[in-house]
């Protein structure tokens, strides 16, 4: 998978989790066009980045347990400040 597609996946997952609009794992995987196992693998990767992702059985959605989120930022380096 290309880096841009991976970033887009993380951003989409982040958005759905932040809105508490994932639904149960099967629906979340469907919304993301992923297999259930790939969904769980990606959630584990996000948790490995220090993000507290939880699941509510009552609301049937994933949500953030604290204020941390995934922010991906690409910036253009200024001239003369790139690798040497």
PDB file of N, CA and C in Angstrom:
ATOM      1  N   UNK A   1       0.844  -1.167   0.000  1.00  0.00           N
ATOM      2  CA  UNK A   1       0.000   0.000   0.000  1.00  0.00           C
ATOM      3  C   UNK A   1       0.896   1.239   0.000  1.00  0.00           C
ATOM      4  N   UNK A   2       0.490   2.218  -0.758  1.00  0.00           N
ATOM      5  CA  UNK A   2       1.273   3.449  -0.827  1.00  0.00           C
ATOM      6  C   UNK A   2       1.103   4.244   0.464  1.00  0.00           C
ATOM      7  N   UNK A   3       2.072   5.079   0.735  1.00  0.00           N
ATOM      8  CA  UNK A   3       2.029   5.911   1.938  1.00  0.00           C
ATOM      9  C   UNK A   3       0.803   6.812   1.933  1.00  0.00           C
ATOM     10  N   UNK A   4       0.481   7.390   0.785  1.00  0.00           N
ATOM     11  CA  UNK A   4      -0.669   8.298   0.723  1.00  0.00           C
ATOM     12  C   UNK A   4      -1.981   7.562   1.027  1.00  0.00           C
ATOM     13  N   UNK A   5      -2.120   6.319   0.584  1.00  0.00           N
ATOM     14  CA  UNK A   5      -3.329   5.552   0.885  1.00  0.00           C
ATOM     15  C   UNK A   5      -3.392   5.189   2.363  1.00  0.00           C
ATOM     16  N   UNK A   6      -2.241   4.857   2.935  1.00  0.00           N
ATOM     17  CA  UNK A   6      -2.188   4.517   4.358  1.00  0.00           C
ATOM     18  C   UNK A   6      -2.567   5.739   5.213  1.00  0.00           C
ATOM     19  N   UNK A   7      -2.031   6.891   4.850  1.00  0.00           N
ATOM     20  CA  UNK A   7      -2.363   8.128   5.568  1.00  0.00           C
ATOM     21  C   UNK A   7      -3.850   8.426   5.442  1.00  0.00           C
ATOM     22  N   UNK A   8      -4.391   8.273   4.255  1.00  0.00           N
ATOM     23  CA  UNK A   8      -5.826   8.517   4.040  1.00  0.00           C
ATOM     24  C   UNK A   8      -6.658   7.565   4.900  1.00  0.00           C
ATOM     25  N   UNK A   9      -6.235   6.318   5.011  1.00  0.00           N
ATOM     26  CA  UNK A   9      -6.954   5.336   5.834  1.00  0.00           C
ATOM     27  C   UNK A   9      -6.938   5.781   7.291  1.00  0.00           C
ATOM     28  N   UNK A  10      -5.766   6.158   7.798  1.00  0.00           N
ATOM     29  CA  UNK A  10      -5.662   6.597   9.188  1.00  0.00           C
ATOM     30  C   UNK A  10      -6.519   7.836   9.447  1.00  0.00           C
ATOM     31  N   UNK A  11      -6.512   8.767   8.503  1.00  0.00           N
ATOM     32  CA  UNK A  11      -7.310   9.984   8.669  1.00  0.00           C
ATOM     33  C   UNK A  11      -8.802   9.672   8.678  1.00  0.00           C
ATOM     34  N   UNK A  12      -9.243   8.772   7.815  1.00  0.00           N
ATOM     35  CA  UNK A  12     -10.665   8.390   7.775  1.00  0.00           C
ATOM     36  C   UNK A  12     -11.062   7.672   9.059  1.00  0.00           C
ATOM     37  N   UNK A  13     -10.208   6.753   9.521  1.00  0.00           N
ATOM     38  CA  UNK A  13     -10.498   6.046  10.764  1.00  0.00           C
ATOM     39  C   UNK A  13     -10.545   7.020  11.932  1.00  0.00           C
ATOM     40  N   UNK A  14      -9.588   7.937  11.967  1.00  0.00           N
ATOM     41  CA  UNK A  14      -9.549   8.945  13.024  1.00  0.00           C
ATOM     42  C   UNK A  14     -10.848   9.752  13.041  1.00  0.00           C
ATOM     43  N   UNK A  15     -11.307  10.152  11.880  1.00  0.00           N
ATOM     44  CA  UNK A  15     -12.524  10.954  11.779  1.00  0.00           C
ATOM     45  C   UNK A  15     -13.744  10.186  12.303  1.00  0.00           C
ATOM     46  N   UNK A  16     -13.899   8.939  11.887  1.00  0.00           N
ATOM     47  CA  UNK A  16     -15.042   8.133  12.322  1.00  0.00           C
ATOM     48  C   UNK A  16     -14.993   7.862  13.825  1.00  0.00           C
ATOM     49  N   UNK A  17     -13.792   7.593  14.348  1.00  0.00           N
ATOM     50  CA  UNK A  17     -13.653   7.350  15.779  1.00  0.00           C
ATOM     51  C   UNK A  17     -13.978   8.624  16.559  1.00  0.00           C
ATOM     52  N   UNK A  18     -13.466   9.760  16.111  1.00  0.00           N
ATOM     53  CA  UNK A  18     -13.713  11.039  16.791  1.00  0.00           C
ATOM     54  C   UNK A  18     -15.207  11.376  16.813  1.00  0.00           C
ATOM     55  N   UNK A  19     -15.921  11.027  15.750  1.00  0.00           N
ATOM     56  CA  UNK A  19     -17.365  11.301  15.673  1.00  0.00           C
ATOM     57  C   UNK A  19     -18.196  10.223  16.377  1.00  0.00           C
ATOM     58  N   UNK A  20     -17.519   9.179  16.850  1.00  0.00           N
ATOM     59  CA  UNK A  20     -18.197   8.021  17.451  1.00  0.00           C
ATOM     60  C   UNK A  20     -19.220   7.464  16.470  1.00  0.00           C
ATOM     61  N   UNK A  21     -18.759   7.308  15.225  1.00  0.00           N
ATOM     62  CA  UNK A  21     -19.644   6.859  14.147  1.00  0.00           C
ATOM     63  C   UNK A  21     -19.103   5.624  13.432  1.00  0.00           C
ATOM     64  N   UNK A  22     -18.372   4.778  14.164  1.00  0.00           N
ATOM     65  CA  UNK A  22     -17.779   3.604  13.518  1.00  0.00           C
ATOM     66  C   UNK A  22     -18.761   2.469  13.359  1.00  0.00           C
ATOM     67  N   UNK A  23     -19.668   2.336  14.332  1.00  0.00           N
ATOM     68  CA  UNK A  23     -20.505   1.154  14.382  1.00  0.00           C
ATOM     69  C   UNK A  23     -19.683   0.001  14.925  1.00  0.00           C
ATOM     70  N   UNK A  24     -20.283  -1.185  14.989  1.00  0.00           N
ATOM     71  CA  UNK A  24     -19.542  -2.357  15.466  1.00  0.00           C
ATOM     72  C   UNK A  24     -18.421  -2.726  14.479  1.00  0.00           C
ATOM     73  N   UNK A  25     -17.495  -3.580  14.889  1.00  0.00           N
ATOM     74  CA  UNK A  25     -16.347  -3.896  14.031  1.00  0.00           C
ATOM     75  C   UNK A  25     -16.696  -4.277  12.589  1.00  0.00           C
ATOM     76  N   UNK A  26     -17.734  -5.071  12.404  1.00  0.00           N
ATOM     77  CA  UNK A  26     -18.094  -5.490  11.047  1.00  0.00           C
ATOM     78  C   UNK A  26     -18.483  -4.297  10.173  1.00  0.00           C
ATOM     79  N   UNK A  27     -19.278  -3.379  10.733  1.00  0.00           N
ATOM     80  CA  UNK A  27     -19.687  -2.187   9.978  1.00  0.00           C
ATOM     81  C   UNK A  27     -18.519  -1.243   9.755  1.00  0.00           C
ATOM     82  N   UNK A  28     -17.662  -1.101  10.778  1.00  0.00           N
ATOM     83  CA  UNK A  28     -16.491  -0.235  10.660  1.00  0.00           C
ATOM     84  C   UNK A  28     -15.583  -0.767   9.552  1.00  0.00           C
ATOM     85  N   UNK A  29     -15.352  -2.058   9.542  1.00  0.00           N
ATOM     86  CA  UNK A  29     -14.519  -2.663   8.498  1.00  0.00           C
ATOM     87  C   UNK A  29     -15.137  -2.422   7.120  1.00  0.00           C
ATOM     88  N   UNK A  30     -16.461  -2.563   7.015  1.00  0.00           N
ATOM     89  CA  UNK A  30     -17.154  -2.329   5.753  1.00  0.00           C
ATOM     90  C   UNK A  30     -16.995  -0.879   5.307  1.00  0.00           C
ATOM     91  N   UNK A  31     -17.191   0.060   6.234  1.00  0.00           N
ATOM     92  CA  UNK A  31     -17.046   1.486   5.909  1.00  0.00           C
ATOM     93  C   UNK A  31     -15.642   1.804   5.407  1.00  0.00           C
ATOM     94  N   UNK A  32     -14.656   1.082   5.934  1.00  0.00           N
ATOM     95  CA  UNK A  32     -13.260   1.324   5.581  1.00  0.00           C
ATOM     96  C   UNK A  32     -12.808   0.471   4.401  1.00  0.00           C
ATOM     97  N   UNK A  33     -13.679  -0.386   3.882  1.00  0.00           N
ATOM     98  CA  UNK A  33     -13.342  -1.328   2.807  1.00  0.00           C
ATOM     99  C   UNK A  33     -12.162  -2.216   3.202  1.00  0.00           C
ATOM    100  N   UNK A  34     -12.223  -2.698   4.452  1.00  0.00           N
ATOM    101  CA  UNK A  34     -11.178  -3.565   4.991  1.00  0.00           C
ATOM    102  C   UNK A  34     -11.783  -4.872   5.471  1.00  0.00           C
ATOM    103  N   UNK A  35     -10.945  -5.891   5.566  1.00  0.00           N
ATOM    104  CA  UNK A  35     -11.386  -7.105   6.234  1.00  0.00           C
ATOM    105  C   UNK A  35     -11.408  -6.811   7.728  1.00  0.00           C
ATOM    106  N   UNK A  36     -12.126  -7.613   8.467  1.00  0.00           N
ATOM    107  CA  UNK A  36     -12.200  -7.431   9.916  1.00  0.00           C
ATOM    108  C   UNK A  36     -10.807  -7.546  10.535  1.00  0.00           C
ATOM    109  N   UNK A  37     -10.024  -8.506  10.070  1.00  0.00           N
ATOM    110  CA  UNK A  37      -8.679  -8.685  10.629  1.00  0.00           C
ATOM    111  C   UNK A  37      -7.776  -7.498  10.301  1.00  0.00           C
ATOM    112  N   UNK A  38      -7.902  -6.925   9.110  1.00  0.00           N
ATOM    113  CA  UNK A  38      -7.100  -5.748   8.757  1.00  0.00           C
ATOM    114  C   UNK A  38      -7.531  -4.539   9.584  1.00  0.00           C
ATOM    115  N   UNK A  39      -8.817  -4.435   9.883  1.00  0.00           N
ATOM    116  CA  UNK A  39      -9.295  -3.363  10.745  1.00  0.00           C
ATOM    117  C   UNK A  39      -8.632  -3.463  12.112  1.00  0.00           C
ATOM    118  N   UNK A  40      -8.656  -4.668  12.703  1.00  0.00           N
ATOM    119  CA  UNK A  40      -8.061  -4.858  14.026  1.00  0.00           C
ATOM    120  C   UNK A  40      -6.556  -4.600  14.001  1.00  0.00           C
ATOM    121  N   UNK A  41      -5.903  -4.988  12.923  1.00  0.00           N
ATOM    122  CA  UNK A  41      -4.465  -4.749  12.797  1.00  0.00           C
ATOM    123  C   UNK A  41      -4.177  -3.244  12.768  1.00  0.00           C
ATOM    124  N   UNK A  42      -4.966  -2.499  12.013  1.00  0.00           N
ATOM    125  CA  UNK A  42      -4.769  -1.054  11.920  1.00  0.00           C
ATOM    126  C   UNK A  42      -5.085  -0.367  13.248  1.00  0.00           C
ATOM    127  N   UNK A  43      -6.128  -0.818  13.953  1.00  0.00           N
ATOM    128  CA  UNK A  43      -6.440  -0.271  15.266  1.00  0.00           C
ATOM    129  C   UNK A  43      -5.283  -0.519  16.237  1.00  0.00           C
ATOM    130  N   UNK A  44      -4.669  -1.696  16.157  1.00  0.00           N
ATOM    131  CA  UNK A  44      -3.519  -2.000  17.016  1.00  0.00           C
ATOM    132  C   UNK A  44      -2.344  -1.085  16.688  1.00  0.00           C
ATOM    133  N   UNK A  45      -2.132  -0.801  15.399  1.00  0.00           N
ATOM    134  CA  UNK A  45      -1.068   0.115  15.001  1.00  0.00           C
ATOM    135  C   UNK A  45      -1.321   1.503  15.582  1.00  0.00           C
ATOM    136  N   UNK A  46      -2.569   1.948  15.527  1.00  0.00           N
ATOM    137  CA  UNK A  46      -2.918   3.258  16.069  1.00  0.00           C
ATOM    138  C   UNK A  46      -2.687   3.281  17.578  1.00  0.00           C
ATOM    139  N   UNK A  47      -3.088   2.211  18.256  1.00  0.00           N
ATOM    140  CA  UNK A  47      -2.862   2.124  19.701  1.00  0.00           C
ATOM    141  C   UNK A  47      -1.364   2.126  20.004  1.00  0.00           C
ATOM    142  N   UNK A  48      -0.582   1.494  19.140  1.00  0.00           N
ATOM    143  CA  UNK A  48       0.865   1.471  19.293  1.00  0.00           C
ATOM    144  C   UNK A  48       1.490   2.855  19.162  1.00  0.00           C
ATOM    145  N   UNK A  49       0.788   3.764  18.528  1.00  0.00           N
ATOM    146  CA  UNK A  49       1.241   5.153  18.395  1.00  0.00           C
ATOM    147  C   UNK A  49       0.872   5.975  19.626  1.00  0.00           C
ATOM    148  N   UNK A  50       0.252   5.327  20.612  1.00  0.00           N
ATOM    149  CA  UNK A  50      -0.089   6.014  21.850  1.00  0.00           C
ATOM    150  C   UNK A  50      -1.498   6.560  21.917  1.00  0.00           C
ATOM    151  N   UNK A  51      -2.338   6.173  20.973  1.00  0.00           N
ATOM    152  CA  UNK A  51      -3.714   6.670  20.947  1.00  0.00           C
ATOM    153  C   UNK A  51      -4.607   5.699  21.738  1.00  0.00           C
ATOM    154  N   UNK A  52      -5.401   6.254  22.665  1.00  0.00           N
ATOM    155  CA  UNK A  52      -6.279   5.454  23.516  1.00  0.00           C
ATOM    156  C   UNK A  52      -7.617   5.249  22.809  1.00  0.00           C
ATOM    157  N   UNK A  53      -7.740   4.120  22.102  1.00  0.00           N
ATOM    158  CA  UNK A  53      -8.969   3.794  21.376  1.00  0.00           C
ATOM    159  C   UNK A  53      -9.708   2.729  22.175  1.00  0.00           C
ATOM    160  N   UNK A  54     -10.980   2.996  22.426  1.00  0.00           N
ATOM    161  CA  UNK A  54     -11.812   2.062  23.192  1.00  0.00           C
ATOM    162  C   UNK A  54     -13.064   1.721  22.402  1.00  0.00           C
ATOM    163  N   UNK A  55     -13.759   0.673  22.859  1.00  0.00           N
ATOM    164  CA  UNK A  55     -15.000   0.275  22.210  1.00  0.00           C
ATOM    165  C   UNK A  55     -16.113   0.260  23.251  1.00  0.00           C
ATOM    166  N   UNK A  56     -17.255   0.843  22.899  1.00  0.00           N
ATOM    167  CA  UNK A  56     -18.433   0.835  23.761  1.00  0.00           C
ATOM    168  C   UNK A  56     -19.421  -0.203  23.248  1.00  0.00           C
ATOM    169  N   UNK A  57     -19.684  -1.226  24.072  1.00  0.00           N
ATOM    170  CA  UNK A  57     -20.678  -2.232  23.696  1.00  0.00           C
ATOM    171  C   UNK A  57     -22.086  -1.655  23.697  1.00  0.00           C
ATOM    172  N   UNK A  58     -22.311  -0.670  24.544  1.00  0.00           N
ATOM    173  CA  UNK A  58     -23.648  -0.057  24.628  1.00  0.00           C
ATOM    174  C   UNK A  58     -23.931   0.771  23.383  1.00  0.00           C
ATOM    175  N   UNK A  59     -22.997   1.638  23.002  1.00  0.00           N
ATOM    176  CA  UNK A  59     -23.185   2.494  21.822  1.00  0.00           C
ATOM    177  C   UNK A  59     -22.769   1.825  20.526  1.00  0.00           C
ATOM    178  N   UNK A  60     -22.078   0.701  20.640  1.00  0.00           N
ATOM    179  CA  UNK A  60     -21.564  -0.032  19.486  1.00  0.00           C
ATOM    180  C   UNK A  60     -20.722   0.874  18.589  1.00  0.00           C
ATOM    181  N   UNK A  61     -19.719   1.479  19.183  1.00  0.00           N
ATOM    182  CA  UNK A  61     -18.817   2.332  18.422  1.00  0.00           C
ATOM    183  C   UNK A  61     -17.466   2.414  19.123  1.00  0.00           C
ATOM    184  N   UNK A  62     -16.448   2.680  18.330  1.00  0.00           N
ATOM    185  CA  UNK A  62     -15.131   2.977  18.893  1.00  0.00           C
ATOM    186  C   UNK A  62     -15.116   4.463  19.235  1.00  0.00           C
ATOM    187  N   UNK A  63     -14.303   4.819  20.218  1.00  0.00           N
ATOM    188  CA  UNK A  63     -14.176   6.221  20.614  1.00  0.00           C
ATOM    189  C   UNK A  63     -12.800   6.425  21.225  1.00  0.00           C
ATOM    190  N   UNK A  64     -12.399   7.683  21.365  1.00  0.00           N
ATOM    191  CA  UNK A  64     -11.132   8.012  21.987  1.00  0.00           C
ATOM    192  C   UNK A  64     -11.340   8.129  23.494  1.00  0.00           C
ATOM    193  N   UNK A  65     -10.427   7.509  24.261  1.00  0.00           N
ATOM    194  CA  UNK A  65     -10.518   7.531  25.711  1.00  0.00           C
ATOM    195  C   UNK A  65      -9.957   8.795  26.330  1.00  0.00           C
ATOM    196  N   UNK A  66      -9.230   9.571  25.544  1.00  0.00           N
ATOM    197  CA  UNK A  66      -8.681  10.841  26.017  1.00  0.00           C
ATOM    198  C   UNK A  66      -8.592  11.801  24.834  1.00  0.00           C
ATOM    199  N   UNK A  67      -7.880  12.890  25.009  1.00  0.00           N
ATOM    200  CA  UNK A  67      -7.847  13.921  23.966  1.00  0.00           C
ATOM    201  C   UNK A  67      -6.804  13.670  22.874  1.00  0.00           C
ATOM    202  N   UNK A  68      -6.011  12.605  23.002  1.00  0.00           N
ATOM    203  CA  UNK A  68      -5.000  12.336  21.968  1.00  0.00           C
ATOM    204  C   UNK A  68      -5.646  11.817  20.699  1.00  0.00           C
ATOM    205  N   UNK A  69      -5.123  12.301  19.568  1.00  0.00           N
ATOM    206  CA  UNK A  69      -5.593  11.863  18.252  1.00  0.00           C
ATOM    207  C   UNK A  69      -4.396  11.723  17.342  1.00  0.00           C
ATOM    208  N   UNK A  70      -4.612  11.158  16.197  1.00  0.00           N
ATOM    209  CA  UNK A  70      -3.541  11.030  15.220  1.00  0.00           C
ATOM    210  C   UNK A  70      -3.588  12.237  14.300  1.00  0.00           C
ATOM    211  N   UNK A  71      -2.466  12.936  14.216  1.00  0.00           N
ATOM    212  CA  UNK A  71      -2.348  14.091  13.338  1.00  0.00           C
ATOM    213  C   UNK A  71      -1.160  13.824  12.426  1.00  0.00           C
ATOM    214  N   UNK A  72      -1.416  13.833  11.140  1.00  0.00           N
ATOM    215  CA  UNK A  72      -0.364  13.606  10.155  1.00  0.00           C
ATOM    216  C   UNK A  72      -0.170  14.901   9.397  1.00  0.00           C
ATOM    217  N   UNK A  73       1.058  15.348   9.391  1.00  0.00           N
ATOM    218  CA  UNK A  73       1.351  16.651   8.805  1.00  0.00           C
ATOM    219  C   UNK A  73       2.555  16.518   7.878  1.00  0.00           C
ATOM    220  N   UNK A  74       2.424  17.038   6.685  1.00  0.00           N
ATOM    221  CA  UNK A  74       3.521  17.058   5.728  1.00  0.00           C
ATOM    222  C   UNK A  74       3.855  18.515   5.456  1.00  0.00           C
ATOM    223  N   UNK A  75       5.115  18.860   5.668  1.00  0.00           N
ATOM    224  CA  UNK A  75       5.538  20.238   5.453  1.00  0.00           C
ATOM    225  C   UNK A  75       6.678  20.273   4.460  1.00  0.00           C
ATOM    226  N   UNK A  76       6.753  21.342   3.737  1.00  0.00           N
ATOM    227  CA  UNK A  76       7.846  21.557   2.808  1.00  0.00           C
ATOM    228  C   UNK A  76       9.019  22.151   3.584  1.00  0.00           C
ATOM    229  N   UNK A  77      10.167  21.528   3.456  1.00  0.00           N
ATOM    230  CA  UNK A  77      11.351  22.053   4.126  1.00  0.00           C
ATOM    231  C   UNK A  77      11.806  23.328   3.449  1.00  0.00           C
ATOM    232  N   UNK A  78      12.297  24.264   4.231  1.00  0.00           N
ATOM    233  CA  UNK A  78      12.814  25.504   3.680  1.00  0.00           C
ATOM    234  C   UNK A  78      14.148  25.227   2.995  1.00  0.00           C
ATOM    235  N   UNK A  79      14.472  26.007   2.003  1.00  0.00           N
ATOM    236  CA  UNK A  79      15.732  25.859   1.275  1.00  0.00           C
ATOM    237  C   UNK A  79      16.897  25.860   2.244  1.00  0.00           C
ATOM    238  N   UNK A  80      17.835  24.968   2.010  1.00  0.00           N
ATOM    239  CA  UNK A  80      19.032  24.914   2.831  1.00  0.00           C
ATOM    240  C   UNK A  80      18.857  24.213   4.160  1.00  0.00           C
ATOM    241  N   UNK A  81      17.629  23.680   4.435  1.00  0.00           N
ATOM    242  CA  UNK A  81      17.403  22.999   5.708  1.00  0.00           C
ATOM    243  C   UNK A  81      17.116  21.527   5.527  1.00  0.00           C
ATOM    244  N   UNK A  82      17.347  21.018   4.346  1.00  0.00           N
ATOM    245  CA  UNK A  82      17.125  19.601   4.078  1.00  0.00           C
ATOM    246  C   UNK A  82      18.280  18.774   4.582  1.00  0.00           C
ATOM    247  N   UNK A  83      18.254  17.458   4.319  1.00  0.00           N
ATOM    248  CA  UNK A  83      19.343  16.574   4.752  1.00  0.00           C
ATOM    249  C   UNK A  83      20.667  16.992   4.133  1.00  0.00           C
ATOM    250  N   UNK A  84      21.732  16.797   4.870  1.00  0.00           N
ATOM    251  CA  UNK A  84      23.069  17.163   4.390  1.00  0.00           C
ATOM    252  C   UNK A  84      23.861  15.958   4.009  1.00  0.00           C
TER     253      UNK A  84
END
